[in-house]
Amino acid sequence: MQPRACRVLLGSPAVGRSIGELRLRSAMGATVVGVRHDGHHVTNPGPDYRFAAGDEVTLVGTPDQQAAVRRLFEA
């Protein structure tokens, strides 16, 4: 499983919601291992991290798991 990056787009249902609320790991199987936000890097963000438009998120998971999260972030 190779880490892959994707961006949270403006208008995504993930904007303003936390990792825990979105159940990325339990529902989709992917793990967020890093987020770049406004030039700052957050390593292994906890379940309370709230996504903002423009966040670049690094994910670990199978290609299908990563694709599911990308669809959410890019919706």
N, C-alpha and C. Protein backbone atom coordinates (compact mmCIF):
# COMPACT_ATOMS: atom_id res chain seq x y z
N MET A 1 0.84 -1.19 0.00
CA MET A 1 0.00 0.00 0.00
C MET A 1 0.88 1.24 0.00
N GLN A 2 0.82 1.95 -1.08
CA GLN A 2 1.59 3.20 -1.21
C GLN A 2 0.76 4.38 -0.73
N PRO A 3 1.35 5.28 0.04
CA PRO A 3 0.63 6.50 0.41
C PRO A 3 0.30 7.31 -0.84
N ARG A 4 -0.86 7.93 -0.86
CA ARG A 4 -1.29 8.77 -1.97
C ARG A 4 -1.85 10.06 -1.40
N ALA A 5 -1.63 11.14 -2.13
CA ALA A 5 -2.13 12.44 -1.70
C ALA A 5 -3.34 12.82 -2.54
N CYS A 6 -4.27 13.52 -1.91
CA CYS A 6 -5.41 14.09 -2.61
C CYS A 6 -5.76 15.40 -1.92
N ARG A 7 -6.55 16.21 -2.59
CA ARG A 7 -6.90 17.53 -2.07
C ARG A 7 -8.39 17.58 -1.74
N VAL A 8 -8.71 18.26 -0.64
CA VAL A 8 -10.10 18.49 -0.26
C VAL A 8 -10.56 19.73 -1.03
N LEU A 9 -11.54 19.56 -1.90
CA LEU A 9 -12.01 20.65 -2.73
C LEU A 9 -13.11 21.45 -2.04
N LEU A 10 -13.20 22.72 -2.38
CA LEU A 10 -14.26 23.58 -1.88
C LEU A 10 -15.59 22.97 -2.31
N GLY A 11 -16.52 22.86 -1.41
CA GLY A 11 -17.80 22.25 -1.71
C GLY A 11 -17.89 20.78 -1.35
N SER A 12 -16.75 20.18 -0.99
CA SER A 12 -16.76 18.78 -0.58
C SER A 12 -17.54 18.65 0.72
N PRO A 13 -18.30 17.55 0.88
CA PRO A 13 -18.99 17.34 2.16
C PRO A 13 -18.03 17.11 3.33
N ALA A 14 -16.74 16.94 3.05
CA ALA A 14 -15.75 16.75 4.12
C ALA A 14 -15.34 18.08 4.77
N VAL A 15 -15.54 19.20 4.08
CA VAL A 15 -15.11 20.50 4.61
C VAL A 15 -15.85 20.78 5.93
N GLY A 16 -15.06 21.09 6.96
CA GLY A 16 -15.61 21.40 8.27
C GLY A 16 -15.92 20.19 9.13
N ARG A 17 -15.74 19.00 8.58
CA ARG A 17 -16.02 17.78 9.34
C ARG A 17 -14.71 17.12 9.76
N SER A 18 -14.77 16.36 10.83
CA SER A 18 -13.56 15.74 11.37
C SER A 18 -13.34 14.35 10.78
N ILE A 19 -12.12 13.86 10.96
CA ILE A 19 -11.78 12.50 10.54
C ILE A 19 -12.72 11.50 11.22
N GLY A 20 -12.96 11.70 12.50
CA GLY A 20 -13.84 10.80 13.24
C GLY A 20 -15.27 10.84 12.75
N GLU A 21 -15.79 12.03 12.47
CA GLU A 21 -17.16 12.17 11.96
C GLU A 21 -17.33 11.45 10.63
N LEU A 22 -16.32 11.56 9.78
CA LEU A 22 -16.40 10.97 8.45
C LEU A 22 -16.15 9.45 8.47
N ARG A 23 -15.63 8.95 9.57
CA ARG A 23 -15.36 7.51 9.74
C ARG A 23 -14.51 6.97 8.58
N LEU A 24 -13.47 7.72 8.24
CA LEU A 24 -12.64 7.34 7.11
C LEU A 24 -12.02 5.96 7.28
N ARG A 25 -11.57 5.68 8.48
CA ARG A 25 -10.92 4.39 8.71
C ARG A 25 -11.94 3.27 8.88
N SER A 26 -12.95 3.49 9.70
CA SER A 26 -13.89 2.41 9.99
C SER A 26 -14.86 2.14 8.83
N ALA A 27 -15.27 3.17 8.12
CA ALA A 27 -16.24 2.97 7.03
C ALA A 27 -15.58 2.75 5.68
N MET A 28 -14.45 3.44 5.44
CA MET A 28 -13.82 3.36 4.12
C MET A 28 -12.52 2.56 4.13
N GLY A 29 -11.94 2.36 5.31
CA GLY A 29 -10.74 1.55 5.42
C GLY A 29 -9.43 2.27 5.20
N ALA A 30 -9.48 3.55 4.86
CA ALA A 30 -8.26 4.32 4.61
C ALA A 30 -7.84 5.06 5.87
N THR A 31 -6.54 5.27 6.01
CA THR A 31 -5.99 5.98 7.16
C THR A 31 -5.33 7.26 6.69
N VAL A 32 -5.66 8.37 7.36
CA VAL A 32 -5.01 9.65 7.08
C VAL A 32 -3.71 9.69 7.87
N VAL A 33 -2.58 9.80 7.16
CA VAL A 33 -1.28 9.82 7.84
C VAL A 33 -0.65 11.20 7.85
N GLY A 34 -1.24 12.13 7.10
CA GLY A 34 -0.71 13.48 7.10
C GLY A 34 -1.65 14.44 6.39
N VAL A 35 -1.57 15.71 6.80
CA VAL A 35 -2.35 16.77 6.17
C VAL A 35 -1.46 18.00 6.05
N ARG A 36 -1.44 18.59 4.87
CA ARG A 36 -0.77 19.89 4.69
C ARG A 36 -1.87 20.93 4.61
N HIS A 37 -1.83 21.88 5.57
CA HIS A 37 -2.84 22.92 5.68
C HIS A 37 -2.15 24.27 5.82
N ASP A 38 -2.42 25.16 4.89
CA ASP A 38 -1.83 26.51 4.92
C ASP A 38 -0.32 26.48 5.13
N GLY A 39 0.36 25.56 4.46
CA GLY A 39 1.81 25.49 4.54
C GLY A 39 2.35 24.76 5.75
N HIS A 40 1.49 24.28 6.62
CA HIS A 40 1.90 23.52 7.79
C HIS A 40 1.55 22.06 7.59
N HIS A 41 2.40 21.18 8.10
CA HIS A 41 2.16 19.75 7.97
C HIS A 41 1.76 19.17 9.31
N VAL A 42 0.65 18.43 9.32
CA VAL A 42 0.19 17.73 10.52
C VAL A 42 0.41 16.24 10.26
N THR A 43 1.27 15.62 11.06
CA THR A 43 1.56 14.20 10.92
C THR A 43 0.62 13.41 11.82
N ASN A 44 0.06 12.36 11.26
CA ASN A 44 -0.87 11.48 11.99
C ASN A 44 -1.93 12.26 12.76
N PRO A 45 -2.75 13.04 12.04
CA PRO A 45 -3.79 13.81 12.73
C PRO A 45 -4.78 12.88 13.43
N GLY A 46 -5.27 13.33 14.57
CA GLY A 46 -6.22 12.54 15.34
C GLY A 46 -7.63 12.65 14.79
N PRO A 47 -8.56 11.94 15.41
CA PRO A 47 -9.94 11.91 14.92
C PRO A 47 -10.65 13.26 15.01
N ASP A 48 -10.11 14.20 15.78
CA ASP A 48 -10.73 15.52 15.91
C ASP A 48 -10.30 16.51 14.83
N TYR A 49 -9.33 16.12 13.99
CA TYR A 49 -8.87 17.04 12.94
C TYR A 49 -10.03 17.33 11.99
N ARG A 50 -10.30 18.63 11.74
CA ARG A 50 -11.36 19.05 10.83
C ARG A 50 -10.75 19.50 9.51
N PHE A 51 -11.30 18.98 8.43
CA PHE A 51 -10.78 19.29 7.11
C PHE A 51 -11.24 20.67 6.65
N ALA A 52 -10.37 21.32 5.89
CA ALA A 52 -10.67 22.61 5.27
C ALA A 52 -10.45 22.48 3.77
N ALA A 53 -11.15 23.29 3.02
CA ALA A 53 -10.94 23.31 1.57
C ALA A 53 -9.47 23.63 1.30
N GLY A 54 -8.87 22.89 0.40
CA GLY A 54 -7.48 23.10 0.05
C GLY A 54 -6.51 22.21 0.79
N ASP A 55 -6.96 21.53 1.84
CA ASP A 55 -6.08 20.61 2.56
C ASP A 55 -5.57 19.54 1.60
N GLU A 56 -4.28 19.25 1.67
CA GLU A 56 -3.70 18.14 0.92
C GLU A 56 -3.52 17.00 1.91
N VAL A 57 -4.23 15.91 1.67
CA VAL A 57 -4.31 14.80 2.61
C VAL A 57 -3.54 13.62 2.06
N THR A 58 -2.68 13.02 2.89
CA THR A 58 -1.96 11.81 2.51
C THR A 58 -2.65 10.63 3.16
N LEU A 59 -3.00 9.65 2.32
CA LEU A 59 -3.77 8.48 2.74
C LEU A 59 -2.97 7.20 2.57
N VAL A 60 -3.23 6.23 3.44
CA VAL A 60 -2.71 4.88 3.28
C VAL A 60 -3.93 3.96 3.24
N GLY A 61 -3.91 3.04 2.31
CA GLY A 61 -4.98 2.07 2.16
C GLY A 61 -4.85 1.41 0.80
N THR A 62 -5.75 0.50 0.53
CA THR A 62 -5.75 -0.14 -0.78
C THR A 62 -6.15 0.90 -1.83
N PRO A 63 -5.89 0.64 -3.09
CA PRO A 63 -6.33 1.59 -4.13
C PRO A 63 -7.83 1.87 -4.07
N ASP A 64 -8.65 0.87 -3.81
CA ASP A 64 -10.09 1.09 -3.72
C ASP A 64 -10.47 1.95 -2.52
N GLN A 65 -9.80 1.73 -1.39
CA GLN A 65 -10.07 2.53 -0.20
C GLN A 65 -9.68 3.98 -0.44
N GLN A 66 -8.51 4.19 -1.04
CA GLN A 66 -8.05 5.55 -1.32
C GLN A 66 -8.99 6.24 -2.31
N ALA A 67 -9.46 5.50 -3.30
CA ALA A 67 -10.37 6.07 -4.30
C ALA A 67 -11.68 6.51 -3.66
N ALA A 68 -12.18 5.75 -2.69
CA ALA A 68 -13.42 6.12 -2.01
C ALA A 68 -13.26 7.44 -1.26
N VAL A 69 -12.13 7.62 -0.59
CA VAL A 69 -11.90 8.86 0.13
C VAL A 69 -11.71 10.01 -0.86
N ARG A 70 -10.98 9.78 -1.94
CA ARG A 70 -10.80 10.83 -2.97
C ARG A 70 -12.14 11.29 -3.52
N ARG A 71 -13.04 10.36 -3.77
CA ARG A 71 -14.38 10.74 -4.27
C ARG A 71 -15.08 11.65 -3.28
N LEU A 72 -14.95 11.36 -1.99
CA LEU A 72 -15.57 12.21 -0.95
C LEU A 72 -14.94 13.60 -0.96
N PHE A 73 -13.61 13.65 -1.00
CA PHE A 73 -12.92 14.93 -0.94
C PHE A 73 -13.10 15.77 -2.19
N GLU A 74 -13.34 15.13 -3.32
CA GLU A 74 -13.44 15.84 -4.58
C GLU A 74 -14.88 16.05 -5.04
N ALA A 75 -15.85 15.60 -4.23
CA ALA A 75 -17.26 15.72 -4.60
C ALA A 75 -17.70 17.18 -4.63
